[in-house]
Every structure is written in structure tokens, then in C-alpha cells.
Amino acid sequence: MLIITLVTALVSIAAGAFIRAWAFAIFAFLVAIGFGGVAFADGSSVIAATLAGVAILALMEIGYVAGVFLSGFVRRSARLRENRSAPDNVAATSEHQQS
């Protein structure tokens, strides 16, 4: 169960960086139904299987949001770093030309 949880979280975080929200929502819903179905087939009650499916769905959504946040943060940091270095290079070049 722990391995399934870790894999689900990692896949969701990676998906947050690369796919759109509606595509991930469909994927997560299908995975949750499958996970609940497997839990039911293993002998869990309908309520326990439903709760397992909802729990995996919640974990996937939290991982997706974390992935979106992290990828946005990395992109924004790279853009700021790139924008900060460009004026410094221009200023250094113009100083050398005036000397």
C-alpha cells in the first residue's frame, strides 16, 4: 500500500508539470475507479472500496496541485534569473565600449 501511495504521488506531481487539468482529472477519476474496483475484488466491502478510491483520488489531486505549483515556481525562477542577467550583461558591454 505504501508503494502504491508513493508511486501515485510521484506520478501526480510529474503530471502537474506536463499535462492539462482536465486530462489529469479524467485520468485520476479512472485510476480511482480502478483502485476501488481492485479493493472490492480483494474482499473489501463496498464502503471500504469506495473510501479507498476517494482517498487515492484525493492524493492524486493534491500531488497534481503540488506539481503545478512546483513547475510554475521553477519556470518563474528561471525567467527571473534570465531577466536579471540580461541587463547586467548589457551594462557591462556598454561600459567596455565607453572606455
Protein backbone atom coordinates (compact mmCIF):
# COMPACT_ATOMS: atom_id res chain seq x y z
CA MET A 1 0.00 0.00 0.00
CA LEU A 2 2.85 2.37 0.78
CA ILE A 3 4.49 1.71 -2.58
CA ILE A 4 1.21 2.41 -4.39
CA THR A 5 0.85 5.67 -2.47
CA LEU A 6 4.39 6.80 -3.29
CA VAL A 7 4.07 5.92 -6.97
CA THR A 8 0.72 7.68 -7.17
CA ALA A 9 2.11 10.82 -5.55
CA LEU A 10 5.16 10.90 -7.84
CA VAL A 11 3.13 10.33 -10.99
CA SER A 12 0.70 13.06 -9.97
CA ILE A 13 3.47 15.55 -9.26
CA ALA A 14 5.07 14.80 -12.63
CA ALA A 15 1.69 15.11 -14.35
CA GLY A 16 1.20 18.53 -12.77
CA ALA A 17 4.21 19.77 -14.67
CA PHE A 18 3.22 18.39 -18.06
CA ILE A 19 -0.49 17.84 -18.68
CA ARG A 20 -3.63 19.94 -18.51
CA ALA A 21 -6.01 19.80 -15.56
CA TRP A 22 -8.96 18.33 -17.45
CA ALA A 23 -6.82 15.49 -18.83
CA PHE A 24 -5.46 14.72 -15.40
CA ALA A 25 -8.95 14.83 -13.86
CA ILE A 26 -10.16 12.16 -16.29
CA PHE A 27 -7.05 10.06 -15.67
CA ALA A 28 -7.32 10.40 -11.88
CA PHE A 29 -11.00 9.51 -11.90
CA LEU A 30 -10.33 6.35 -13.93
CA VAL A 31 -7.44 5.35 -11.65
CA ALA A 32 -9.62 5.89 -8.56
CA ILE A 33 -12.39 3.73 -10.02
CA GLY A 34 -9.85 1.03 -10.87
CA PHE A 35 -8.26 1.20 -7.44
CA GLY A 36 -11.65 0.95 -5.76
CA GLY A 37 -12.57 -1.96 -8.02
CA VAL A 38 -9.39 -3.83 -7.12
CA ALA A 39 -10.01 -3.20 -3.42
CA PHE A 40 -13.56 -4.53 -3.80
CA ALA A 41 -12.34 -7.59 -5.71
CA ASP A 42 -9.84 -8.33 -2.92
CA GLY A 43 -12.73 -8.74 -0.49
CA SER A 44 -13.27 -5.25 0.90
CA SER A 45 -16.79 -4.02 1.46
CA VAL A 46 -18.35 -1.56 -0.98
CA ILE A 47 -17.93 1.28 1.51
CA ALA A 48 -14.26 0.45 2.17
CA ALA A 49 -13.55 0.16 -1.57
CA THR A 50 -15.28 3.49 -2.22
CA LEU A 51 -13.30 5.18 0.54
CA ALA A 52 -10.07 3.71 -0.85
CA GLY A 53 -10.93 5.10 -4.29
CA VAL A 54 -11.74 8.53 -2.87
CA ALA A 55 -8.54 8.52 -0.81
CA ILE A 56 -6.39 7.74 -3.85
CA LEU A 57 -8.25 10.39 -5.85
CA ALA A 58 -7.59 13.00 -3.15
CA LEU A 59 -3.92 12.03 -3.02
CA MET A 60 -3.63 12.32 -6.78
CA GLU A 61 -5.27 15.75 -6.83
CA ILE A 62 -3.01 17.04 -4.06
CA GLY A 63 0.02 15.72 -5.94
CA TYR A 64 -1.16 17.37 -9.15
CA VAL A 65 -1.59 20.75 -7.49
CA ALA A 66 1.85 20.40 -5.90
CA GLY A 67 3.33 19.59 -9.31
CA VAL A 68 1.67 22.61 -10.92
CA PHE A 69 2.97 24.84 -8.14
CA LEU A 70 6.50 23.45 -8.28
CA SER A 71 6.78 23.64 -12.07
CA GLY A 72 5.43 27.21 -12.04
CA PHE A 73 7.92 28.15 -9.34
CA VAL A 74 10.83 26.66 -11.28
CA ARG A 75 9.77 28.40 -14.50
CA ARG A 76 9.32 31.72 -12.74
CA SER A 77 12.72 31.41 -11.02
CA ALA A 78 14.42 30.63 -14.31
CA ARG A 79 12.72 33.55 -16.02
CA LEU A 80 13.71 35.95 -13.24
CA ARG A 81 17.27 34.67 -13.27
CA GLU A 82 17.38 35.12 -17.05
CA ASN A 83 15.91 38.64 -16.87
CA ARG A 84 18.35 39.70 -14.15
CA SER A 85 21.40 38.54 -16.07
CA ALA A 86 20.45 40.22 -19.37
CA PRO A 87 20.62 43.87 -18.13
CA ASP A 88 23.86 43.14 -16.28
CA ASN A 89 25.47 41.90 -19.48
CA VAL A 90 24.23 44.93 -21.43
CA ALA A 91 25.55 47.33 -18.79
CA ALA A 92 28.94 45.59 -18.71
CA THR A 93 29.19 45.68 -22.51
CA SER A 94 28.34 49.38 -22.72
CA GLU A 95 30.92 50.18 -20.02
CA HIS A 96 33.62 48.43 -22.02
CA GLN A 97 32.69 50.29 -25.20
CA GLN A 98 32.86 53.71 -23.47
CA SER A 99 36.34 53.09 -22.02
